[in-house]
Amino acid sequence: MQTYYRYTVPGHQEPEAARTMLGPAASHGLIVRVDTTANQTHIFVAADAPPSRMHAAPAGIGAPVVVSEAEVLRTS
C-alpha cells in the first residue's frame, strides 16, 4: 500500500534544488509534489515502505512525516 511522506527543507527552493537537498532520502520513493510555504519547501514522496537508514535525510532536514493522500492532492 502506498504511503505518503512529507520532508521539509528550509527556505523557498526550486524543485530540483529541494530534491538535491534531500540527499539519499530523495531515492526513498517517488517525489509526487513540491510546495513552498512559510519560508519552507515541502517535498511529498510516495513509497511502499518507511525510509530505511540508507534513505536518511541529511542533518537539518528532519525525519519525514506521514501525510494523507488528501494533503498531497490539496491545491490550496
N, C-alpha and C. Protein backbone atom coordinates (compact mmCIF):
# COMPACT_ATOMS: atom_id res chain seq x y z
N MET A 1 0.83 -1.18 0.00
CA MET A 1 0.00 0.00 0.00
C MET A 1 0.88 1.25 0.00
N GLN A 2 0.52 2.20 -0.78
CA GLN A 2 1.25 3.46 -0.93
C GLN A 2 1.07 4.33 0.32
N THR A 3 2.18 4.82 0.85
CA THR A 3 2.16 5.76 1.97
C THR A 3 2.84 7.03 1.50
N TYR A 4 2.34 8.17 1.98
CA TYR A 4 2.90 9.46 1.58
C TYR A 4 3.67 10.06 2.74
N TYR A 5 4.84 10.57 2.44
CA TYR A 5 5.73 11.18 3.43
C TYR A 5 6.02 12.61 3.00
N ARG A 6 6.12 13.51 3.99
CA ARG A 6 6.46 14.90 3.71
C ARG A 6 7.79 15.22 4.38
N TYR A 7 8.74 15.64 3.55
CA TYR A 7 10.02 16.14 4.04
C TYR A 7 9.96 17.66 3.95
N THR A 8 10.59 18.36 4.87
CA THR A 8 10.59 19.81 4.87
C THR A 8 12.03 20.31 4.85
N VAL A 9 12.33 21.17 3.89
CA VAL A 9 13.66 21.79 3.80
C VAL A 9 13.48 23.30 4.02
N PRO A 10 14.47 23.95 4.60
CA PRO A 10 14.34 25.38 4.89
C PRO A 10 14.38 26.23 3.62
N GLY A 11 13.64 27.33 3.65
CA GLY A 11 13.66 28.30 2.55
C GLY A 11 12.81 27.89 1.37
N HIS A 12 12.65 28.83 0.45
CA HIS A 12 11.94 28.57 -0.80
C HIS A 12 12.93 28.01 -1.80
N GLN A 13 12.74 26.76 -2.20
CA GLN A 13 13.67 26.07 -3.09
C GLN A 13 12.96 25.69 -4.39
N GLU A 14 13.70 25.73 -5.46
CA GLU A 14 13.20 25.18 -6.72
C GLU A 14 13.12 23.66 -6.54
N PRO A 15 12.22 22.97 -7.27
CA PRO A 15 12.08 21.53 -7.09
C PRO A 15 13.39 20.75 -7.19
N GLU A 16 14.22 21.04 -8.17
CA GLU A 16 15.47 20.28 -8.31
C GLU A 16 16.42 20.55 -7.15
N ALA A 17 16.48 21.79 -6.70
CA ALA A 17 17.33 22.13 -5.56
C ALA A 17 16.84 21.43 -4.30
N ALA A 18 15.52 21.38 -4.10
CA ALA A 18 14.95 20.70 -2.94
C ALA A 18 15.28 19.22 -2.98
N ARG A 19 15.15 18.61 -4.16
CA ARG A 19 15.48 17.18 -4.29
C ARG A 19 16.94 16.93 -3.95
N THR A 20 17.81 17.80 -4.42
CA THR A 20 19.24 17.66 -4.13
C THR A 20 19.50 17.79 -2.63
N MET A 21 18.81 18.70 -1.98
CA MET A 21 18.99 18.90 -0.54
C MET A 21 18.57 17.67 0.27
N LEU A 22 17.65 16.87 -0.27
CA LEU A 22 17.22 15.66 0.44
C LEU A 22 18.30 14.59 0.48
N GLY A 23 19.25 14.67 -0.43
CA GLY A 23 20.30 13.67 -0.46
C GLY A 23 19.73 12.27 -0.68
N PRO A 24 20.19 11.27 0.09
CA PRO A 24 19.73 9.90 -0.10
C PRO A 24 18.22 9.72 0.12
N ALA A 25 17.60 10.61 0.89
CA ALA A 25 16.17 10.49 1.14
C ALA A 25 15.36 10.68 -0.14
N ALA A 26 15.92 11.36 -1.14
CA ALA A 26 15.21 11.58 -2.40
C ALA A 26 14.93 10.27 -3.13
N SER A 27 15.72 9.24 -2.86
CA SER A 27 15.51 7.95 -3.53
C SER A 27 14.62 7.02 -2.71
N HIS A 28 14.03 7.51 -1.64
CA HIS A 28 13.15 6.72 -0.79
C HIS A 28 11.92 6.25 -1.55
N GLY A 29 11.42 7.06 -2.46
CA GLY A 29 10.23 6.71 -3.24
C GLY A 29 10.10 7.67 -4.41
N LEU A 30 8.90 7.84 -4.87
CA LEU A 30 8.63 8.73 -6.00
C LEU A 30 8.21 10.10 -5.47
N ILE A 31 8.92 11.15 -5.86
CA ILE A 31 8.54 12.50 -5.46
C ILE A 31 7.30 12.87 -6.27
N VAL A 32 6.20 13.17 -5.57
CA VAL A 32 4.94 13.43 -6.25
C VAL A 32 4.49 14.89 -6.18
N ARG A 33 5.12 15.67 -5.30
CA ARG A 33 4.73 17.08 -5.18
C ARG A 33 5.81 17.85 -4.44
N VAL A 34 5.99 19.11 -4.84
CA VAL A 34 6.89 20.02 -4.15
C VAL A 34 6.14 21.34 -3.98
N ASP A 35 6.04 21.81 -2.73
CA ASP A 35 5.33 23.05 -2.40
C ASP A 35 6.25 23.96 -1.59
N THR A 36 6.04 25.26 -1.71
CA THR A 36 6.74 26.20 -0.84
C THR A 36 5.71 27.03 -0.09
N THR A 37 5.88 27.10 1.23
CA THR A 37 5.02 27.90 2.09
C THR A 37 5.80 28.33 3.31
N ALA A 38 5.49 29.52 3.83
CA ALA A 38 6.06 29.99 5.11
C ALA A 38 7.57 29.81 5.19
N ASN A 39 8.28 30.16 4.12
CA ASN A 39 9.74 30.06 4.06
C ASN A 39 10.24 28.62 4.25
N GLN A 40 9.45 27.65 3.79
CA GLN A 40 9.85 26.25 3.81
C GLN A 40 9.42 25.61 2.49
N THR A 41 10.12 24.57 2.12
CA THR A 41 9.75 23.79 0.94
C THR A 41 9.38 22.40 1.41
N HIS A 42 8.21 21.94 1.00
CA HIS A 42 7.72 20.61 1.39
C HIS A 42 7.80 19.69 0.18
N ILE A 43 8.42 18.53 0.39
CA ILE A 43 8.58 17.55 -0.67
C ILE A 43 7.79 16.31 -0.26
N PHE A 44 6.83 15.94 -1.09
CA PHE A 44 5.97 14.80 -0.80
C PHE A 44 6.47 13.60 -1.60
N VAL A 45 6.65 12.49 -0.91
CA VAL A 45 7.18 11.27 -1.51
C VAL A 45 6.17 10.14 -1.30
N ALA A 46 5.89 9.40 -2.35
CA ALA A 46 5.05 8.20 -2.26
C ALA A 46 5.98 7.00 -2.22
N ALA A 47 5.77 6.12 -1.24
CA ALA A 47 6.64 4.96 -1.10
C ALA A 47 5.85 3.78 -0.54
N ASP A 48 6.35 2.59 -0.80
CA ASP A 48 5.70 1.37 -0.33
C ASP A 48 6.11 1.01 1.09
N ALA A 49 7.22 1.56 1.57
CA ALA A 49 7.73 1.22 2.89
C ALA A 49 8.34 2.46 3.53
N PRO A 50 8.45 2.46 4.85
CA PRO A 50 9.09 3.60 5.52
C PRO A 50 10.55 3.71 5.07
N PRO A 51 11.13 4.90 5.19
CA PRO A 51 12.52 5.06 4.80
C PRO A 51 13.44 4.26 5.71
N SER A 52 14.45 3.68 5.13
CA SER A 52 15.45 2.94 5.91
C SER A 52 16.61 3.88 6.24
N ARG A 53 17.58 3.38 6.98
CA ARG A 53 18.77 4.20 7.28
C ARG A 53 19.50 4.60 6.01
N MET A 54 19.39 3.79 4.99
CA MET A 54 20.03 4.09 3.71
C MET A 54 19.40 5.34 3.07
N HIS A 55 18.16 5.63 3.44
CA HIS A 55 17.44 6.78 2.89
C HIS A 55 17.33 7.93 3.89
N ALA A 56 18.24 7.99 4.83
CA ALA A 56 18.17 9.04 5.85
C ALA A 56 18.39 10.42 5.23
N ALA A 57 17.60 11.37 5.69
CA ALA A 57 17.76 12.76 5.23
C ALA A 57 18.97 13.38 5.93
N PRO A 58 19.63 14.32 5.27
CA PRO A 58 20.77 14.99 5.90
C PRO A 58 20.34 15.78 7.14
N ALA A 59 21.31 16.13 7.96
CA ALA A 59 21.05 16.94 9.15
C ALA A 59 20.37 18.24 8.72
N GLY A 60 19.43 18.69 9.51
CA GLY A 60 18.73 19.92 9.21
C GLY A 60 17.44 19.71 8.43
N ILE A 61 17.25 18.53 7.87
CA ILE A 61 16.03 18.24 7.11
C ILE A 61 15.00 17.60 8.03
N GLY A 62 15.42 16.75 8.91
CA GLY A 62 14.49 16.11 9.82
C GLY A 62 13.86 14.87 9.23
N ALA A 63 13.18 14.17 10.08
CA ALA A 63 12.52 12.93 9.67
C ALA A 63 11.26 13.24 8.88
N PRO A 64 10.89 12.35 7.97
CA PRO A 64 9.67 12.58 7.20
C PRO A 64 8.44 12.38 8.08
N VAL A 65 7.38 13.06 7.71
CA VAL A 65 6.10 12.95 8.41
C VAL A 65 5.13 12.24 7.48
N VAL A 66 4.41 11.26 7.99
CA VAL A 66 3.39 10.57 7.19
C VAL A 66 2.21 11.53 7.03
N VAL A 67 1.74 11.68 5.79
CA VAL A 67 0.60 12.55 5.50
C VAL A 67 -0.44 11.78 4.70
N SER A 68 -1.63 12.31 4.68
CA SER A 68 -2.72 11.65 3.95
C SER A 68 -2.65 11.99 2.46
N GLU A 69 -3.31 11.16 1.68
CA GLU A 69 -3.40 11.42 0.24
C GLU A 69 -4.11 12.75 -0.01
N ALA A 70 -5.08 13.09 0.83
CA ALA A 70 -5.80 14.35 0.68
C ALA A 70 -4.85 15.54 0.81
N GLU A 71 -3.89 15.46 1.71
CA GLU A 71 -2.91 16.55 1.84
C GLU A 71 -2.05 16.66 0.61
N VAL A 72 -1.67 15.53 0.04
CA VAL A 72 -0.85 15.53 -1.17
C VAL A 72 -1.63 16.14 -2.33
N LEU A 73 -2.91 15.85 -2.41
CA LEU A 73 -3.75 16.32 -3.51
C LEU A 73 -4.29 17.74 -3.32
N ARG A 74 -4.13 18.30 -2.14
CA ARG A 74 -4.66 19.64 -1.86
C ARG A 74 -4.08 20.66 -2.83
N THR A 75 -4.91 21.53 -3.33
CA THR A 75 -4.47 22.51 -4.33
C THR A 75 -4.37 23.92 -3.77
N SER A 76 -4.80 24.15 -2.55
CA SER A 76 -4.66 25.49 -1.96
C SER A 76 -4.36 25.42 -0.50
